[in-house]
Protein backbone atom coordinates (compact mmCIF):
# COMPACT_ATOMS: atom_id res chain seq x y z
CA MET A 1 -77.18 195.97 -365.71
CA TYR A 2 -78.92 197.76 -362.77
CA TRP A 3 -82.47 195.64 -363.12
CA LEU A 4 -79.43 192.66 -363.63
CA THR A 5 -77.97 193.82 -360.24
CA TRP A 6 -81.13 194.32 -357.82
CA ASN A 7 -82.81 191.01 -359.92
CA THR A 8 -79.55 189.14 -358.16
CA VAL A 9 -79.94 190.73 -354.68
CA ALA A 10 -83.97 190.05 -354.72
CA MET A 11 -83.28 186.10 -355.52
CA VAL A 12 -80.28 185.83 -352.69
CA LEU A 13 -82.78 187.36 -350.35
CA MET A 14 -85.29 184.64 -351.39
CA LEU A 15 -82.98 181.88 -351.59
CA SER A 16 -81.90 183.47 -348.01
CA PHE A 17 -85.68 183.04 -347.06
CA SER A 18 -86.51 179.88 -348.34
CA LEU A 19 -83.78 178.36 -346.17
CA ARG A 20 -84.26 179.29 -343.28
CA ILE A 21 -88.15 178.19 -344.31
CA GLU A 22 -86.73 174.83 -344.97
CA CYS A 23 -84.35 174.62 -342.14
CA HIS A 24 -87.09 174.90 -339.76
CA SER A 25 -89.51 173.16 -341.50
CA SER A 26 -87.37 169.98 -341.38
CA HIS A 27 -86.89 170.76 -337.70
CA VAL A 28 -88.47 167.74 -335.35
CA ASP A 29 -89.86 169.86 -333.00
CA ARG A 30 -91.23 172.71 -335.71
CA ILE A 31 -95.02 172.73 -335.17
CA LEU A 32 -97.18 172.34 -338.29
CA ARG A 33 -100.38 174.53 -336.61
CA LEU A 34 -101.94 174.50 -333.71
CA PRO A 35 -105.76 173.49 -334.10
CA GLY A 36 -107.92 176.37 -334.41
CA GLN A 37 -105.05 178.84 -334.65
CA PRO A 38 -105.42 181.84 -336.97
CA TYR A 39 -102.83 182.45 -339.42
CA VAL A 40 -99.87 183.45 -338.41
CA ASN A 41 -96.15 184.45 -340.14
CA PHE A 42 -93.81 183.15 -336.97
CA GLU A 43 -92.75 179.71 -336.66
CA GLN A 44 -93.01 177.90 -333.36
CA PHE A 45 -91.68 174.94 -332.09
CA SER A 46 -92.62 172.15 -329.28
CA GLY A 47 -91.00 169.26 -327.69
CA TYR A 48 -88.57 167.84 -325.31
CA VAL A 49 -85.21 168.01 -323.79
CA THR A 50 -83.72 165.26 -321.50
CA VAL A 51 -82.22 166.57 -318.32
CA ASP A 52 -81.10 163.32 -316.89
CA ASP A 53 -80.41 160.44 -319.09
CA LYS A 54 -80.45 157.70 -316.59
CA ARG A 55 -83.74 158.67 -314.98
CA GLU A 56 -85.44 159.67 -318.52
CA LYS A 57 -86.15 163.14 -317.32
CA ALA A 58 -87.37 165.71 -319.52
CA LEU A 59 -88.89 168.87 -319.58
CA PHE A 60 -91.60 170.12 -322.03
CA TYR A 61 -90.89 173.84 -323.78
CA TYR A 62 -92.87 175.80 -326.34
CA PHE A 63 -90.55 178.62 -328.44
CA VAL A 64 -92.26 180.63 -330.06
CA GLU A 65 -89.74 183.25 -332.30
CA ALA A 66 -90.16 186.94 -332.58
CA GLU A 67 -93.27 187.53 -334.84
CA ILE A 68 -90.65 190.30 -336.71
CA ASP A 69 -86.90 189.97 -337.18
CA PRO A 70 -86.38 186.64 -335.08
CA ALA A 71 -82.74 187.19 -335.94
CA SER A 72 -82.28 190.20 -334.67
CA LYS A 73 -84.36 189.76 -331.15
CA PRO A 74 -83.50 188.88 -327.65
CA LEU A 75 -84.22 185.07 -326.39
CA VAL A 76 -86.65 185.12 -322.99
CA LEU A 77 -87.27 181.94 -320.97
CA TRP A 78 -90.67 182.26 -318.90
CA LEU A 79 -91.26 180.38 -315.96
CA ASN A 80 -94.35 180.13 -314.10
CA GLY A 81 -94.56 179.34 -310.11
CA GLY A 82 -96.72 177.17 -308.29
CA PRO A 83 -94.31 175.80 -306.85
CA GLY A 84 -95.17 173.25 -309.86
CA CYS A 85 -97.39 175.36 -312.03
CA SER A 86 -97.61 174.98 -316.10
CA SER A 87 -95.56 177.87 -317.72
CA LEU A 88 -97.36 176.73 -321.35
CA GLY A 89 -101.02 176.80 -319.75
CA VAL A 90 -100.58 179.72 -317.20
CA GLY A 91 -97.51 182.13 -319.27
CA ALA A 92 -97.90 181.11 -323.03
CA PHE A 93 -102.09 180.60 -323.04
CA SER A 94 -103.08 182.97 -320.18
CA GLU A 95 -100.84 186.03 -320.13
CA ASN A 96 -98.03 186.74 -322.56
CA GLY A 97 -98.27 183.89 -325.28
CA PRO A 98 -99.57 184.99 -328.77
CA PHE A 99 -102.67 182.99 -328.05
CA ARG A 100 -105.52 182.65 -326.21
CA PRO A 101 -107.94 179.76 -326.38
CA ASN A 102 -111.74 180.25 -326.50
CA GLY A 103 -113.44 177.13 -327.29
CA ASP A 104 -112.96 175.48 -330.29
CA PHE A 105 -110.36 178.11 -331.50
CA LEU A 106 -107.16 180.13 -330.51
CA ILE A 107 -107.35 184.00 -330.83
CA LYS A 108 -104.48 186.47 -331.47
CA ASN A 109 -102.79 188.13 -328.55
CA GLU A 110 -102.15 191.84 -329.60
CA TYR A 111 -99.87 192.18 -326.72
CA SER A 112 -97.83 189.11 -326.90
CA TRP A 113 -94.04 189.41 -325.82
CA SER A 114 -93.55 187.82 -328.98
CA ARG A 115 -93.69 190.75 -330.68
CA GLU A 116 -90.03 191.87 -328.83
CA ALA A 117 -88.73 188.96 -328.39
CA ASN A 118 -87.93 184.93 -329.14
CA MET A 119 -90.08 183.61 -326.28
CA LEU A 120 -89.53 180.29 -324.79
CA TYR A 121 -91.91 178.69 -322.26
CA LEU A 122 -90.89 175.79 -320.03
CA GLU A 123 -92.72 173.34 -317.61
CA THR A 124 -90.67 173.23 -315.01
CA PRO A 125 -89.45 171.19 -312.67
CA ILE A 126 -90.41 167.22 -314.39
CA GLY A 127 -94.29 165.87 -313.24
CA VAL A 128 -95.45 169.79 -314.21
CA GLY A 129 -97.54 170.01 -317.31
CA PHE A 130 -96.01 167.47 -320.00
CA SER A 131 -92.68 167.34 -318.24
CA TYR A 132 -92.26 163.79 -317.51
CA ALA A 133 -89.63 160.98 -315.59
CA ALA A 134 -89.70 157.36 -316.52
CA ASN A 135 -89.75 156.60 -312.64
CA SER A 136 -92.76 158.07 -310.37
CA SER A 137 -90.01 158.46 -307.15
CA SER A 138 -88.82 160.72 -309.20
CA TYR A 139 -91.35 163.34 -308.27
CA VAL A 140 -90.92 163.16 -305.15
CA ALA A 141 -89.13 165.79 -302.94
CA VAL A 142 -88.12 168.08 -305.45
CA ASP A 143 -86.83 171.08 -304.56
CA ASP A 144 -85.34 174.47 -305.64
CA LYS A 145 -81.68 173.14 -306.14
CA THR A 146 -82.55 169.75 -308.66
CA THR A 147 -84.78 172.21 -310.23
CA ALA A 148 -82.50 175.26 -311.12
CA ARG A 149 -79.86 171.98 -312.14
CA GLY A 150 -82.71 170.47 -314.46
CA ASN A 151 -83.06 174.28 -315.83
CA VAL A 152 -79.61 175.08 -316.57
CA ILE A 153 -79.31 171.68 -317.83
CA PHE A 154 -82.73 172.25 -320.25
CA LEU A 155 -81.09 175.37 -321.65
CA GLN A 156 -77.40 173.89 -322.37
CA ARG A 157 -78.97 171.08 -324.27
CA TRP A 158 -81.77 173.39 -326.01
CA PHE A 159 -79.27 175.54 -327.48
CA ASN A 160 -77.95 172.27 -329.51
CA LYS A 161 -81.61 172.41 -330.93
CA PHE A 162 -80.92 176.01 -331.99
CA PRO A 163 -77.46 176.53 -332.04
CA GLN A 164 -78.29 179.97 -333.52
CA TYR A 165 -79.74 181.41 -330.15
CA LYS A 166 -76.66 180.12 -328.30
CA GLN A 167 -75.02 183.32 -327.91
CA ARG A 168 -78.36 185.99 -328.16
CA GLU A 169 -79.16 188.09 -325.70
CA LEU A 170 -80.84 186.11 -322.43
CA PHE A 171 -83.35 187.30 -320.18
CA LEU A 172 -84.69 185.29 -317.69
CA THR A 173 -88.22 186.33 -316.69
CA GLY A 174 -91.11 185.10 -314.57
CA GLU A 175 -93.59 185.39 -311.75
CA SER A 176 -94.42 184.42 -308.60
CA TYR A 177 -92.64 181.15 -306.81
CA ALA A 178 -89.97 181.97 -309.87
CA GLY A 179 -89.23 184.32 -307.36
CA HIS A 180 -86.37 181.58 -306.48
CA TYR A 181 -86.53 179.68 -309.73
CA VAL A 182 -85.35 182.50 -311.59
CA PRO A 183 -82.46 184.03 -309.36
CA GLN A 184 -81.23 180.90 -308.68
CA LEU A 185 -81.13 179.67 -312.18
CA ALA A 186 -79.46 183.31 -313.02
CA LYS A 187 -76.62 181.92 -310.19
CA LEU A 188 -75.84 178.58 -311.85
CA ILE A 189 -75.40 180.56 -315.35
CA ILE A 190 -73.17 183.16 -313.84
CA GLU A 191 -71.24 180.08 -311.99
CA ILE A 192 -70.83 178.15 -315.47
CA ASN A 193 -69.87 181.22 -317.32
CA LYS A 194 -67.11 181.29 -315.06
CA LYS A 195 -65.35 178.35 -317.00
CA GLU A 196 -66.82 179.27 -320.19
CA LYS A 197 -69.08 181.95 -321.65
CA ILE A 198 -71.54 179.55 -322.78
CA PHE A 199 -74.80 181.87 -321.82
CA ASN A 200 -75.10 185.99 -322.71
CA LEU A 201 -77.39 186.82 -319.54
CA LYS A 202 -78.31 190.32 -319.68
CA GLY A 203 -81.45 190.86 -316.93
CA ILE A 204 -84.01 189.31 -314.70
CA ALA A 205 -87.83 189.92 -314.16
CA LEU A 206 -89.88 189.19 -311.46
CA GLY A 207 -93.59 189.47 -311.29
CA ASN A 208 -95.24 189.69 -307.71
CA PRO A 209 -91.99 187.32 -306.61
CA VAL A 210 -91.30 185.07 -303.40
CA LEU A 211 -88.25 186.81 -302.18
CA GLU A 212 -88.74 186.64 -298.94
CA PHE A 213 -90.82 184.73 -297.40
CA ALA A 214 -91.86 186.42 -294.21
CA THR A 215 -91.83 189.64 -295.81
CA ASP A 216 -93.97 188.79 -298.60
CA PHE A 217 -96.78 186.75 -296.87
CA ASN A 218 -96.63 188.96 -293.89
CA SER A 219 -97.56 191.73 -295.95
CA ARG A 220 -101.10 190.66 -297.04
CA ALA A 221 -102.59 191.28 -293.64
CA GLU A 222 -102.45 195.22 -294.21
CA PHE A 223 -103.64 194.42 -298.43
CA PHE A 224 -106.44 192.08 -296.63
CA TRP A 225 -107.65 195.18 -294.61
CA SER A 226 -106.78 198.09 -296.65
CA HIS A 227 -109.17 196.98 -299.40
CA GLY A 228 -111.99 196.13 -297.30
CA LEU A 229 -111.66 191.87 -297.57
CA ILE A 230 -111.74 191.91 -293.26
CA SER A 231 -112.81 193.19 -290.62
CA ASP A 232 -111.08 195.74 -288.10
CA SER A 233 -110.77 192.66 -285.41
CA THR A 234 -109.49 190.77 -287.79
CA TYR A 235 -106.88 192.53 -288.88
CA LYS A 236 -105.89 193.00 -285.46
CA MET A 237 -105.55 189.36 -284.71
CA PHE A 238 -103.21 189.15 -287.73
CA THR A 239 -101.03 192.00 -286.44
CA GLU A 240 -101.01 190.98 -282.89
CA GLY A 241 -100.98 187.31 -282.79
CA CYS A 242 -100.53 185.61 -286.14
CA ASN A 243 -97.19 185.62 -288.16
CA TYR A 244 -97.87 184.06 -292.15
CA SER A 245 -94.18 182.38 -291.92
CA ARG A 246 -94.60 181.00 -288.68
CA TYR A 247 -98.27 179.65 -289.93
CA VAL A 248 -97.30 178.38 -293.03
CA SER A 249 -94.25 176.65 -291.38
CA GLU A 250 -96.81 175.45 -288.67
CA TYR A 251 -99.64 174.55 -291.55
CA TYR A 252 -97.16 171.83 -293.33
CA ARG A 253 -96.44 170.37 -290.17
CA ASP A 254 -100.07 169.74 -289.29
CA SER A 255 -99.92 171.64 -286.15
CA VAL A 256 -101.47 174.96 -286.26
CA SER A 257 -101.30 177.48 -283.38
CA PRO A 258 -105.16 178.01 -281.70
CA VAL A 259 -104.46 181.92 -282.54
CA CYS A 260 -103.40 181.41 -285.97
CA SER A 261 -105.90 178.54 -286.77
CA LYS A 262 -108.75 181.45 -285.67
CA VAL A 263 -107.28 183.88 -287.89
CA MET A 264 -107.25 181.72 -290.98
CA SER A 265 -110.52 180.75 -290.69
CA GLN A 266 -111.62 184.46 -289.97
CA VAL A 267 -109.99 185.50 -292.94
CA SER A 268 -111.36 182.27 -294.90
CA THR A 269 -114.88 183.51 -293.41
CA GLU A 270 -114.73 187.58 -295.06
CA THR A 271 -113.12 186.95 -297.92
CA SER A 272 -115.44 185.37 -300.26
CA LYS A 273 -114.99 182.93 -302.25
CA PHE A 274 -116.41 184.96 -305.01
CA VAL A 275 -113.71 187.06 -305.08
CA ASP A 276 -110.42 186.04 -306.50
CA LYS A 277 -107.69 186.98 -304.07
CA TYR A 278 -105.10 187.01 -307.03
CA ASP A 279 -106.92 190.19 -308.31
CA VAL A 280 -108.87 191.31 -305.55
CA THR A 281 -111.10 193.90 -308.06
CA LEU A 282 -111.54 191.01 -311.11
CA ASP A 283 -114.34 189.23 -311.39
CA VAL A 284 -114.34 185.67 -311.20
CA CYS A 285 -115.30 182.14 -313.17
CA ILE A 286 -118.42 181.28 -311.58
CA SER A 287 -118.30 177.71 -313.19
CA SER A 288 -115.17 176.93 -311.49
CA VAL A 289 -116.46 178.78 -308.77
CA LEU A 290 -119.47 176.75 -308.30
CA SER A 291 -117.71 173.21 -309.62
CA GLN A 292 -119.58 173.28 -313.05
CA SER A 293 -118.77 171.74 -316.12
CA LYS A 294 -116.10 172.86 -317.46
CA VAL A 295 -117.79 173.51 -321.12
CA ILE A 296 -117.28 177.04 -321.37
CA ASN A 297 -119.92 179.18 -323.19
CA PRO A 298 -116.98 181.36 -325.43
CA GLN A 299 -119.70 184.35 -324.44
CA GLN A 300 -118.83 184.31 -320.99
CA ALA A 301 -115.47 186.31 -321.96
CA THR A 302 -115.41 189.66 -321.24
CA GLU A 303 -114.19 192.06 -323.74
CA ARG A 304 -111.08 192.67 -322.01
CA ILE A 305 -110.82 189.82 -319.97
CA ASP A 306 -111.58 186.52 -320.16
CA VAL A 307 -111.63 184.99 -316.28
CA CYS A 308 -112.49 181.77 -317.51
CA VAL A 309 -109.97 181.73 -319.77
CA GLU A 310 -107.98 178.99 -317.19
CA ASP A 311 -111.05 176.50 -317.87
CA LYS A 312 -110.40 176.85 -321.35
CA THR A 313 -107.56 176.14 -321.39
CA VAL A 314 -107.38 173.01 -319.69
CA ASN A 315 -109.89 171.43 -322.27
CA TYR A 316 -108.01 172.55 -325.18
CA LEU A 317 -104.40 170.95 -323.78
CA ASN A 318 -106.77 168.26 -322.82
CA ARG A 319 -107.69 167.45 -326.57
CA LYS A 320 -105.88 164.73 -328.36
CA ASP A 321 -105.08 166.65 -331.57
CA VAL A 322 -103.75 169.53 -329.77
CA ARG A 323 -101.55 166.85 -327.89
CA LYS A 324 -100.42 165.52 -331.14
CA ALA A 325 -99.74 169.04 -332.69
CA PHE A 326 -97.50 169.66 -329.89
CA HIS A 327 -95.69 166.54 -329.96
CA ALA A 328 -96.45 166.31 -326.13
CA ARG A 329 -97.47 162.87 -324.36
CA LEU A 330 -99.32 162.22 -320.91
CA VAL A 331 -96.55 160.13 -318.73
CA GLY A 332 -98.30 159.01 -315.28
CA VAL A 333 -101.21 161.17 -315.50
CA ARG A 334 -104.24 160.82 -317.05
CA ARG A 335 -104.95 164.62 -317.93
CA TRP A 336 -102.62 167.92 -318.28
CA GLU A 337 -103.14 170.25 -314.92
CA VAL A 338 -102.28 173.58 -314.62
CA CYS A 339 -100.71 173.03 -311.41
CA SER A 340 -99.32 169.19 -310.61
CA LYS A 341 -101.16 166.83 -308.77
CA ILE A 342 -98.08 163.99 -308.68
CA LEU A 343 -95.03 166.71 -307.97
CA ASP A 344 -94.07 166.51 -304.36
CA TYR A 345 -92.08 169.55 -304.17
CA GLU A 346 -90.57 170.51 -300.68
CA VAL A 347 -92.37 173.31 -299.25
CA LEU A 348 -89.94 174.76 -296.61
CA ASN A 349 -88.13 175.85 -299.45
CA LEU A 350 -90.48 178.50 -299.30
CA GLU A 351 -88.64 179.53 -295.96
CA ILE A 352 -85.11 180.26 -297.48
CA PRO A 353 -85.05 184.33 -299.00
CA THR A 354 -83.67 184.55 -302.51
CA LEU A 355 -82.88 188.11 -301.83
CA PRO A 356 -79.42 187.77 -301.50
CA ILE A 357 -79.15 185.96 -304.24
CA VAL A 358 -80.75 188.74 -306.23
CA GLY A 359 -78.25 191.36 -304.56
CA SER A 360 -75.60 189.12 -305.80
CA LEU A 361 -76.87 188.64 -309.72
CA VAL A 362 -77.00 193.01 -309.80
CA LYS A 363 -73.26 192.41 -308.52
CA ALA A 364 -72.26 190.81 -311.18
CA GLY A 365 -73.55 193.73 -313.52
CA VAL A 366 -77.35 192.01 -314.45
CA ARG A 367 -80.26 193.91 -314.83
CA VAL A 368 -82.99 193.14 -312.38
CA LEU A 369 -86.80 194.55 -312.28
CA VAL A 370 -88.73 193.30 -310.03
CA TYR A 371 -92.55 194.50 -310.95
CA SER A 372 -96.05 194.13 -308.95
CA GLY A 373 -99.50 193.95 -310.03
CA ASP A 374 -101.35 196.22 -307.58
CA GLN A 375 -104.64 193.97 -307.41
CA ASP A 376 -102.73 191.16 -306.08
CA SER A 377 -103.11 190.00 -302.37
CA VAL A 378 -100.89 186.88 -302.38
CA ILE A 379 -97.80 188.53 -303.18
CA PRO A 380 -99.35 192.08 -302.33
CA LEU A 381 -96.72 194.91 -303.71
CA THR A 382 -96.01 196.81 -300.35
CA GLY A 383 -93.90 193.68 -299.56
CA SER A 384 -91.77 193.72 -302.88
CA ARG A 385 -91.37 197.60 -302.73
CA THR A 386 -90.11 197.02 -299.26
CA LEU A 387 -87.50 194.30 -300.36
CA VAL A 388 -86.35 196.34 -303.24
CA HIS A 389 -85.46 199.38 -301.40
CA LYS A 390 -84.04 197.04 -298.52
CA LEU A 391 -81.69 195.34 -301.19
CA ALA A 392 -80.90 198.87 -302.79
CA THR A 393 -79.92 199.86 -299.27
CA GLU A 394 -77.65 196.95 -298.48
CA LEU A 395 -75.81 197.49 -302.09
CA GLY A 396 -74.98 201.06 -301.44
CA LEU A 397 -77.39 201.74 -304.87
CA ASN A 398 -78.70 205.65 -305.02
CA THR A 399 -81.78 206.41 -306.32
CA THR A 400 -81.28 207.19 -310.03
CA VAL A 401 -85.14 207.53 -310.96
CA PRO A 402 -87.06 208.77 -307.98
CA TYR A 403 -90.44 206.73 -307.04
CA ARG A 404 -92.92 208.31 -310.14
CA VAL A 405 -95.72 207.60 -312.03
CA TRP A 406 -94.82 205.92 -315.27
CA PHE A 407 -97.39 205.75 -318.45
CA GLU A 408 -99.32 203.94 -321.37
CA GLY A 409 -101.41 205.27 -323.87
CA GLN A 410 -102.84 207.85 -322.33
CA GLN A 411 -103.45 206.14 -318.82
CA VAL A 412 -100.94 205.73 -315.74
CA GLY A 413 -99.09 202.39 -316.26
CA GLY A 414 -98.11 202.26 -312.92
CA TRP A 415 -95.77 203.46 -310.94
CA THR A 416 -91.59 203.11 -310.51
CA GLN A 417 -88.35 203.70 -308.74
CA VAL A 418 -84.80 202.64 -310.21
CA TYR A 419 -81.58 202.70 -308.10
CA GLY A 420 -78.38 202.59 -309.86
CA ASN A 421 -79.49 202.23 -312.83
CA VAL A 422 -79.72 198.05 -312.52
CA LEU A 423 -82.56 197.42 -309.80
CA ALA A 424 -85.97 198.49 -310.84
CA PHE A 425 -88.90 198.04 -308.85
CA ALA A 426 -92.38 199.29 -311.01
CA THR A 427 -96.08 198.70 -310.83
CA ILE A 428 -98.33 197.79 -313.18
CA ARG A 429 -102.09 199.65 -312.21
CA GLY A 430 -105.13 197.62 -311.96
CA ALA A 431 -103.43 194.08 -312.65
CA SER A 432 -103.16 190.57 -311.06
CA HIS A 433 -100.97 188.40 -309.82
CA GLU A 434 -100.72 187.30 -313.41
CA ALA A 435 -99.24 190.88 -314.73
CA PRO A 436 -99.85 190.27 -318.13
CA PHE A 437 -103.17 188.47 -318.41
CA SER A 438 -105.14 191.18 -316.46
CA GLN A 439 -103.21 194.26 -318.26
CA PRO A 440 -101.78 192.85 -321.25
CA GLU A 441 -100.56 196.34 -322.79
CA ARG A 442 -99.29 198.23 -319.36
CA SER A 443 -97.18 194.69 -319.13
CA PHE A 444 -95.97 194.88 -322.70
CA MET A 445 -95.13 197.93 -322.26
CA LEU A 446 -93.45 197.33 -319.11
CA PHE A 447 -91.47 194.33 -320.67
CA LYS A 448 -90.17 196.49 -323.80
CA SER A 449 -89.04 199.11 -321.94
CA PHE A 450 -86.83 196.65 -319.43
CA LEU A 451 -85.74 194.95 -322.78
CA GLU A 452 -84.84 197.78 -324.54
CA GLY A 453 -83.01 198.79 -321.20
CA ARG A 454 -84.63 202.62 -320.76
CA PRO A 455 -87.03 203.96 -318.31
CA LEU A 456 -90.85 203.51 -318.39
CA PRO A 457 -92.38 206.57 -320.16
CA GLU A 458 -92.89 209.26 -317.63
CA THR A 459 -95.06 211.74 -320.19
CA LEU A 460 -98.25 210.80 -321.99
């Protein structure tokens, strides 16, 4: 009797598993296997979602189900910045995705965020990566508003392909210019939910984000100087005669002031091209710096960090067999690029702060994490920390976790502070602008704690 009972249970479980596999196998966007990929026990999907039927605009996505029990794990959307850089090539293949390219093969990333979540990578806006529009005029004068609108339409239509994720807990994540992309997408989601609750948005996480242009970029001068990258005299010129916000506005109008022109020329001279501004302590990929052949020797990868991973990703994603496996095509371009060369993004969107939008999200009960790789000179931690504290003060949030160290394994992972149990700031020690690339273990711990809504570990 008991044997029959357990046998029946086993048959039901096997049938359930078989139905899931059969369902996924019949999905038109299912990836059978990526070239050079090691064996894995999770499902992958990629393809297109049309976001404008009339103008034939389609965004490309790559979706990786959680490695263990995907039905119980949240859905996480990842967006890279630029503006105009690829979440597939940077986020998925260089940072927190399941694989890293190395020659003709893919290496499993043991700190992939898909260990804790169902990861959705989106190449946005149109003109980025494999995303495309039928008419090239669609690539002109793209701005934050059109990008956000396209992203929310993408999510709505993506749920039609994957209805089982529609009411799943949703987290929006990204880095750099995603400090614009993510908050504006979250704002649209909240507005839509007021009419009909379509999205189960729980939180957003922003890495080294552009939140308030003047504060973020003006903090570069102190970072350069404190890390020994520029001289005392150049730092003095920075602080007394050149404002980054004013500099960039003037730069894109082709009328750089003489003082700023002199400062930027001096900075370029003193900060060597052999130093990566996105991580001033990390070695550079010499073949890229010297514009040599893009055929990278796998032995150039160090034991922990492969500084040539971007070059390898470009090579990998431009292979015909790889594009076929991804169900991807090149429309209007000859090669897949890390950052779009055909997109005309309205750069003055940089001047519009998104910090007030982040504040509105906090008021709406959406958890917000701002984190900073502490070796990034492009969006330094000092600016981000100042802005988070400023926002907490404006919202009247009390400190619930005082500024303190946090740990990953046996080492200090960084420092953190939390306000009102809803707004948090954290640094990732030794991390670059692309934190999961240079500090995968610490970034994974940060991500896991964020999803679980618990403080970062304060003891070993």
